[in-house]
């Protein structure tokens, strides 16, 4: 029970950060300068050492506790649809979180990259790595959406009924699918031409 409660609490913190992060990326639709201005404002808060350490710890705990909870669920012979969706979306999300944290923090310190628009855009523009990173980002965002939508549906059934809760589930999935499409479209150069600075072209 304690593990579940901590997973839920850290999940709320992680979700708030992820939604803010996706909002920032979506605002690149209005230009790289707009994206950077919002990013700089947000960094005033989350780049504070204590807050950053807490955020990273929450992400890592989500991955660790998620694995523990999945192993518990796997032991059950009869799993509900809710539990099955949580397992599959949780596995994809956990792998995405671990790789994303290692890549972002690792390259920030090793290559001294500013993990800005160009950092993210380069990997979905450059051959051949874009054929990995396009589905990587899409699956990462949509696994998060599915995980959150599934929990929301599960909690809302008793309040609004199964049919309405299912509409909520697909509504959340639909909104995140649109957000994913917008972000990838912009970062892949569909909205405006993107010229990656030479310092980012290290591999």
C-alpha atoms as a PDB file:
ATOM      1  CA  UNK A   1       0.000   0.000   0.000  1.00  0.00           C
ATOM      2  CA  UNK A   2       2.853   2.398   0.879  1.00  0.00           C
ATOM      3  CA  UNK A   3       4.546   1.718  -2.475  1.00  0.00           C
ATOM      4  CA  UNK A   4       1.290   2.393  -4.331  1.00  0.00           C
ATOM      5  CA  UNK A   5       0.689   5.642  -2.455  1.00  0.00           C
ATOM      6  CA  UNK A   6       4.238   6.880  -3.099  1.00  0.00           C
ATOM      7  CA  UNK A   7       3.913   5.858  -6.754  1.00  0.00           C
ATOM      8  CA  UNK A   8       0.699   7.887  -6.952  1.00  0.00           C
ATOM      9  CA  UNK A   9       2.175  10.971  -5.245  1.00  0.00           C
ATOM     10  CA  UNK A  10       5.360  11.002  -7.332  1.00  0.00           C
ATOM     11  CA  UNK A  11       3.195  10.299 -10.378  1.00  0.00           C
ATOM     12  CA  UNK A  12       1.241  13.511  -9.783  1.00  0.00           C
ATOM     13  CA  UNK A  13       4.496  15.496  -9.523  1.00  0.00           C
ATOM     14  CA  UNK A  14       5.916  13.859 -12.652  1.00  0.00           C
ATOM     15  CA  UNK A  15       2.656  14.410 -14.555  1.00  0.00           C
ATOM     16  CA  UNK A  16       2.637  18.116 -13.695  1.00  0.00           C
ATOM     17  CA  UNK A  17       6.196  18.459 -15.000  1.00  0.00           C
ATOM     18  CA  UNK A  18       5.533  16.417 -18.162  1.00  0.00           C
ATOM     19  CA  UNK A  19       2.407  18.406 -19.058  1.00  0.00           C
ATOM     20  CA  UNK A  20       4.326  21.674 -18.548  1.00  0.00           C
ATOM     21  CA  UNK A  21       7.197  20.289 -20.644  1.00  0.00           C
ATOM     22  CA  UNK A  22       4.839  19.283 -23.474  1.00  0.00           C
ATOM     23  CA  UNK A  23       3.156  22.691 -23.340  1.00  0.00           C
ATOM     24  CA  UNK A  24       6.590  24.288 -23.764  1.00  0.00           C
ATOM     25  CA  UNK A  25       7.337  22.065 -26.773  1.00  0.00           C
ATOM     26  CA  UNK A  26       3.910  22.787 -28.289  1.00  0.00           C
ATOM     27  CA  UNK A  27       4.577  26.524 -28.098  1.00  0.00           C
ATOM     28  CA  UNK A  28       7.413  26.023 -30.592  1.00  0.00           C
ATOM     29  CA  UNK A  29       4.575  26.243 -33.142  1.00  0.00           C
ATOM     30  CA  UNK A  30       4.908  30.017 -32.662  1.00  0.00           C
ATOM     31  CA  UNK A  31       8.657  29.976 -33.182  1.00  0.00           C
ATOM     32  CA  UNK A  32      11.921  28.882 -31.618  1.00  0.00           C
ATOM     33  CA  UNK A  33      12.221  32.209 -29.782  1.00  0.00           C
ATOM     34  CA  UNK A  34       8.836  31.668 -28.106  1.00  0.00           C
ATOM     35  CA  UNK A  35       9.839  28.143 -27.130  1.00  0.00           C
ATOM     36  CA  UNK A  36      13.138  29.376 -25.668  1.00  0.00           C
ATOM     37  CA  UNK A  37      11.519  32.250 -23.765  1.00  0.00           C
ATOM     38  CA  UNK A  38       9.064  29.876 -22.072  1.00  0.00           C
ATOM     39  CA  UNK A  39      11.856  27.364 -21.406  1.00  0.00           C
ATOM     40  CA  UNK A  40      14.036  30.021 -19.767  1.00  0.00           C
ATOM     41  CA  UNK A  41      11.114  31.072 -17.546  1.00  0.00           C
ATOM     42  CA  UNK A  42      10.375  27.486 -16.480  1.00  0.00           C
ATOM     43  CA  UNK A  43      14.050  26.805 -15.795  1.00  0.00           C
ATOM     44  CA  UNK A  44      14.079  29.541 -13.174  1.00  0.00           C
ATOM     45  CA  UNK A  45      11.957  27.132 -11.137  1.00  0.00           C
ATOM     46  CA  UNK A  46      12.939  23.575 -12.070  1.00  0.00           C
ATOM     47  CA  UNK A  47      16.666  24.199 -12.500  1.00  0.00           C
ATOM     48  CA  UNK A  48      16.915  25.141  -8.833  1.00  0.00           C
ATOM     49  CA  UNK A  49      19.236  22.378  -7.485  1.00  0.00           C
ATOM     50  CA  UNK A  50      16.833  21.153  -4.777  1.00  0.00           C
ATOM     51  CA  UNK A  51      13.839  21.096  -7.145  1.00  0.00           C
ATOM     52  CA  UNK A  52      15.822  19.438  -9.941  1.00  0.00           C
ATOM     53  CA  UNK A  53      17.098  16.701  -7.627  1.00  0.00           C
ATOM     54  CA  UNK A  54      13.550  16.133  -6.324  1.00  0.00           C
ATOM     55  CA  UNK A  55      12.182  15.929  -9.875  1.00  0.00           C
ATOM     56  CA  UNK A  56      14.839  13.464 -11.021  1.00  0.00           C
ATOM     57  CA  UNK A  57      14.249  11.399  -7.867  1.00  0.00           C
ATOM     58  CA  UNK A  58      10.500  11.332  -8.591  1.00  0.00           C
ATOM     59  CA  UNK A  59      11.117  10.162 -12.156  1.00  0.00           C
ATOM     60  CA  UNK A  60      13.513   7.441 -11.027  1.00  0.00           C
ATOM     61  CA  UNK A  61      11.150   6.341  -8.255  1.00  0.00           C
ATOM     62  CA  UNK A  62       8.322   6.146 -10.796  1.00  0.00           C
ATOM     63  CA  UNK A  63      10.399   3.781 -12.920  1.00  0.00           C
ATOM     64  CA  UNK A  64      11.551   1.690  -9.929  1.00  0.00           C
ATOM     65  CA  UNK A  65       8.173   1.470  -8.194  1.00  0.00           C
ATOM     66  CA  UNK A  66       6.451   0.861 -11.543  1.00  0.00           C
ATOM     67  CA  UNK A  67       8.613  -2.226 -12.098  1.00  0.00           C
ATOM     68  CA  UNK A  68       7.802  -3.482  -8.595  1.00  0.00           C
ATOM     69  CA  UNK A  69       4.064  -2.972  -9.126  1.00  0.00           C
ATOM     70  CA  UNK A  70       4.200  -4.670 -12.540  1.00  0.00           C
ATOM     71  CA  UNK A  71       5.850  -7.746 -11.032  1.00  0.00           C
ATOM     72  CA  UNK A  72       3.100  -7.856  -8.406  1.00  0.00           C
ATOM     73  CA  UNK A  73       0.397  -7.642 -11.067  1.00  0.00           C
ATOM     74  CA  UNK A  74       2.053 -10.315 -13.214  1.00  0.00           C
ATOM     75  CA  UNK A  75       1.536 -12.810 -10.396  1.00  0.00           C
ATOM     76  CA  UNK A  76      -2.230 -12.392 -10.609  1.00  0.00           C
ATOM     77  CA  UNK A  77      -3.885 -15.053 -12.746  1.00  0.00           C
ATOM     78  CA  UNK A  78      -6.887 -12.906 -13.670  1.00  0.00           C
ATOM     79  CA  UNK A  79      -6.035  -9.347 -14.587  1.00  0.00           C
ATOM     80  CA  UNK A  80      -8.569  -6.624 -15.277  1.00  0.00           C
ATOM     81  CA  UNK A  81      -8.398  -4.513 -18.430  1.00  0.00           C
ATOM     82  CA  UNK A  82      -7.256  -1.620 -16.248  1.00  0.00           C
ATOM     83  CA  UNK A  83      -4.354  -3.674 -14.876  1.00  0.00           C
ATOM     84  CA  UNK A  84      -3.299  -4.918 -18.313  1.00  0.00           C
ATOM     85  CA  UNK A  85      -3.212  -1.390 -19.751  1.00  0.00           C
ATOM     86  CA  UNK A  86      -1.218  -0.182 -16.729  1.00  0.00           C
ATOM     87  CA  UNK A  87       1.330  -2.974 -17.220  1.00  0.00           C
ATOM     88  CA  UNK A  88       1.881  -2.419 -20.949  1.00  0.00           C
ATOM     89  CA  UNK A  89       1.862   1.388 -20.862  1.00  0.00           C
ATOM     90  CA  UNK A  90       3.992   1.345 -17.703  1.00  0.00           C
ATOM     91  CA  UNK A  91       6.701  -0.807 -19.293  1.00  0.00           C
ATOM     92  CA  UNK A  92       7.001   1.508 -22.316  1.00  0.00           C
ATOM     93  CA  UNK A  93       6.844   4.636 -20.148  1.00  0.00           C
ATOM     94  CA  UNK A  94       9.434   3.324 -17.681  1.00  0.00           C
ATOM     95  CA  UNK A  95      11.911   2.518 -20.460  1.00  0.00           C
ATOM     96  CA  UNK A  96      11.314   5.941 -22.012  1.00  0.00           C
ATOM     97  CA  UNK A  97      11.839   7.757 -18.698  1.00  0.00           C
ATOM     98  CA  UNK A  98      15.109   5.956 -17.954  1.00  0.00           C
ATOM     99  CA  UNK A  99      16.567   6.541 -21.417  1.00  0.00           C
ATOM    100  CA  UNK A 100      15.387  10.152 -21.576  1.00  0.00           C
ATOM    101  CA  UNK A 101      16.871  11.080 -18.188  1.00  0.00           C
ATOM    102  CA  UNK A 102      20.196   9.385 -18.955  1.00  0.00           C
ATOM    103  CA  UNK A 103      20.407  10.978 -22.427  1.00  0.00           C
ATOM    104  CA  UNK A 104      19.350  14.464 -21.348  1.00  0.00           C
ATOM    105  CA  UNK A 105      21.440  14.759 -18.200  1.00  0.00           C
ATOM    106  CA  UNK A 106      24.353  12.789 -19.646  1.00  0.00           C
ATOM    107  CA  UNK A 107      24.658  14.949 -22.769  1.00  0.00           C
ATOM    108  CA  UNK A 108      24.080  18.117 -20.784  1.00  0.00           C
ATOM    109  CA  UNK A 109      27.170  17.396 -18.680  1.00  0.00           C
ATOM    110  CA  UNK A 110      29.323  15.409 -21.138  1.00  0.00           C
ATOM    111  CA  UNK A 111      28.799  17.499 -24.300  1.00  0.00           C
ATOM    112  CA  UNK A 112      27.880  20.676 -22.381  1.00  0.00           C
ATOM    113  CA  UNK A 113      24.707  20.890 -24.471  1.00  0.00           C
ATOM    114  CA  UNK A 114      21.988  23.365 -23.674  1.00  0.00           C
ATOM    115  CA  UNK A 115      19.057  20.938 -23.834  1.00  0.00           C
ATOM    116  CA  UNK A 116      16.918  23.360 -25.807  1.00  0.00           C
ATOM    117  CA  UNK A 117      14.868  23.249 -29.039  1.00  0.00           C
ATOM    118  CA  UNK A 118      17.870  22.296 -31.175  1.00  0.00           C
ATOM    119  CA  UNK A 119      18.863  19.476 -28.828  1.00  0.00           C
ATOM    120  CA  UNK A 120      15.449  17.831 -29.302  1.00  0.00           C
ATOM    121  CA  UNK A 121      14.955  18.773 -32.950  1.00  0.00           C
ATOM    122  CA  UNK A 122      18.280  17.430 -34.176  1.00  0.00           C
ATOM    123  CA  UNK A 123      17.475  13.804 -33.405  1.00  0.00           C
ATOM    124  CA  UNK A 124      14.185  13.868 -35.369  1.00  0.00           C
ATOM    125  CA  UNK A 125      15.807  15.626 -38.339  1.00  0.00           C
ATOM    126  CA  UNK A 126      19.091  13.784 -38.756  1.00  0.00           C
ATOM    127  CA  UNK A 127      19.431  10.513 -40.694  1.00  0.00           C
ATOM    128  CA  UNK A 128      19.545   7.705 -39.731  1.00  0.00           C
ATOM    129  CA  UNK A 129      18.841   8.357 -36.033  1.00  0.00           C
ATOM    130  CA  UNK A 130      15.502  10.029 -36.763  1.00  0.00           C
ATOM    131  CA  UNK A 131      14.003   6.614 -37.642  1.00  0.00           C
ATOM    132  CA  UNK A 132      14.578   5.638 -34.016  1.00  0.00           C
ATOM    133  CA  UNK A 133      13.751   8.920 -32.292  1.00  0.00           C
ATOM    134  CA  UNK A 134      10.487   9.741 -34.099  1.00  0.00           C
ATOM    135  CA  UNK A 135       8.711   6.599 -32.826  1.00  0.00           C
ATOM    136  CA  UNK A 136      10.653   6.884 -29.552  1.00  0.00           C
ATOM    137  CA  UNK A 137       9.158  10.304 -28.765  1.00  0.00           C
ATOM    138  CA  UNK A 138       5.705   9.342 -30.061  1.00  0.00           C
ATOM    139  CA  UNK A 139       5.593   6.169 -27.956  1.00  0.00           C
ATOM    140  CA  UNK A 140       6.961   8.002 -24.919  1.00  0.00           C
ATOM    141  CA  UNK A 141       4.268  10.670 -24.986  1.00  0.00           C
ATOM    142  CA  UNK A 142       1.441   8.269 -25.843  1.00  0.00           C
ATOM    143  CA  UNK A 143       2.449   5.740 -23.170  1.00  0.00           C
ATOM    144  CA  UNK A 144       2.279   8.581 -20.632  1.00  0.00           C
ATOM    145  CA  UNK A 145      -1.128   9.607 -22.010  1.00  0.00           C
ATOM    146  CA  UNK A 146      -2.436   6.035 -21.843  1.00  0.00           C
ATOM    147  CA  UNK A 147      -1.142   5.537 -18.303  1.00  0.00           C
ATOM    148  CA  UNK A 148      -2.780   8.752 -17.063  1.00  0.00           C
ATOM    149  CA  UNK A 149      -6.015   8.246 -19.038  1.00  0.00           C
ATOM    150  CA  UNK A 150      -6.375   4.713 -17.704  1.00  0.00           C
ATOM    151  CA  UNK A 151      -6.024   5.835 -14.068  1.00  0.00           C
ATOM    152  CA  UNK A 152      -8.470   8.687 -14.684  1.00  0.00           C
ATOM    153  CA  UNK A 153     -11.028   6.331 -16.253  1.00  0.00           C
ATOM    154  CA  UNK A 154     -10.660   3.847 -13.401  1.00  0.00           C
ATOM    155  CA  UNK A 155     -11.283   6.537 -10.759  1.00  0.00           C
ATOM    156  CA  UNK A 156     -14.156   8.201 -12.609  1.00  0.00           C
ATOM    157  CA  UNK A 157     -16.269   5.078 -13.261  1.00  0.00           C
ATOM    158  CA  UNK A 158     -17.853   5.192  -9.793  1.00  0.00           C
ATOM    159  CA  UNK A 159     -18.671   8.904 -10.187  1.00  0.00           C
ATOM    160  CA  UNK A 160     -19.897   9.278 -13.760  1.00  0.00           C
ATOM    161  CA  UNK A 161     -20.460   5.738 -14.976  1.00  0.00           C
ATOM    162  CA  UNK A 162     -18.495   3.411 -17.256  1.00  0.00           C
ATOM    163  CA  UNK A 163     -19.651   4.932 -20.551  1.00  0.00           C
ATOM    164  CA  UNK A 164     -18.735   8.516 -19.642  1.00  0.00           C
ATOM    165  CA  UNK A 165     -15.444   7.391 -18.080  1.00  0.00           C
ATOM    166  CA  UNK A 166     -14.553   5.623 -21.337  1.00  0.00           C
ATOM    167  CA  UNK A 167     -15.298   8.832 -23.264  1.00  0.00           C
ATOM    168  CA  UNK A 168     -12.904  10.637 -20.909  1.00  0.00           C
ATOM    169  CA  UNK A 169     -10.265   7.964 -21.570  1.00  0.00           C
ATOM    170  CA  UNK A 170     -10.435   8.341 -25.351  1.00  0.00           C
ATOM    171  CA  UNK A 171     -10.692  12.120 -25.054  1.00  0.00           C
ATOM    172  CA  UNK A 172      -7.398  12.270 -23.144  1.00  0.00           C
ATOM    173  CA  UNK A 173      -5.761   9.918 -25.654  1.00  0.00           C
ATOM    174  CA  UNK A 174      -7.049  12.084 -28.519  1.00  0.00           C
ATOM    175  CA  UNK A 175      -5.746  15.331 -27.003  1.00  0.00           C
ATOM    176  CA  UNK A 176      -2.283  13.847 -26.458  1.00  0.00           C
ATOM    177  CA  UNK A 177      -2.253  12.384 -29.966  1.00  0.00           C
ATOM    178  CA  UNK A 178      -2.858  15.890 -31.335  1.00  0.00           C
ATOM    179  CA  UNK A 179      -0.141  17.331 -29.075  1.00  0.00           C
ATOM    180  CA  UNK A 180       2.299  14.617 -30.187  1.00  0.00           C
ATOM    181  CA  UNK A 181       1.565  15.320 -33.837  1.00  0.00           C
ATOM    182  CA  UNK A 182       2.027  19.094 -33.385  1.00  0.00           C
ATOM    183  CA  UNK A 183       5.328  18.674 -31.537  1.00  0.00           C
ATOM    184  CA  UNK A 184       6.820  16.224 -34.029  1.00  0.00           C
ATOM    185  CA  UNK A 185       5.581  18.257 -36.998  1.00  0.00           C
ATOM    186  CA  UNK A 186       7.277  21.415 -35.679  1.00  0.00           C
ATOM    187  CA  UNK A 187      10.498  19.753 -34.506  1.00  0.00           C
ATOM    188  CA  UNK A 188      10.838  17.902 -37.831  1.00  0.00           C
ATOM    189  CA  UNK A 189      10.780  21.188 -39.713  1.00  0.00           C
ATOM    190  CA  UNK A 190       7.207  21.098 -40.957  1.00  0.00           C
ATOM    191  CA  UNK A 191       6.294  24.524 -39.588  1.00  0.00           C
ATOM    192  CA  UNK A 192       9.486  26.421 -40.477  1.00  0.00           C
ATOM    193  CA  UNK A 193      13.027  25.704 -41.628  1.00  0.00           C
ATOM    194  CA  UNK A 194      15.334  24.511 -38.860  1.00  0.00           C
ATOM    195  CA  UNK A 195      19.091  24.972 -39.088  1.00  0.00           C
ATOM    196  CA  UNK A 196      20.833  23.015 -36.354  1.00  0.00           C
ATOM    197  CA  UNK A 197      23.885  24.852 -34.885  1.00  0.00           C
ATOM    198  CA  UNK A 198      27.161  23.074 -35.623  1.00  0.00           C
ATOM    199  CA  UNK A 199      27.949  22.469 -31.937  1.00  0.00           C
ATOM    200  CA  UNK A 200      25.006  20.020 -31.759  1.00  0.00           C
ATOM    201  CA  UNK A 201      26.228  17.936 -34.706  1.00  0.00           C
ATOM    202  CA  UNK A 202      28.652  15.810 -32.697  1.00  0.00           C
ATOM    203  CA  UNK A 203      27.299  12.416 -33.871  1.00  0.00           C
END
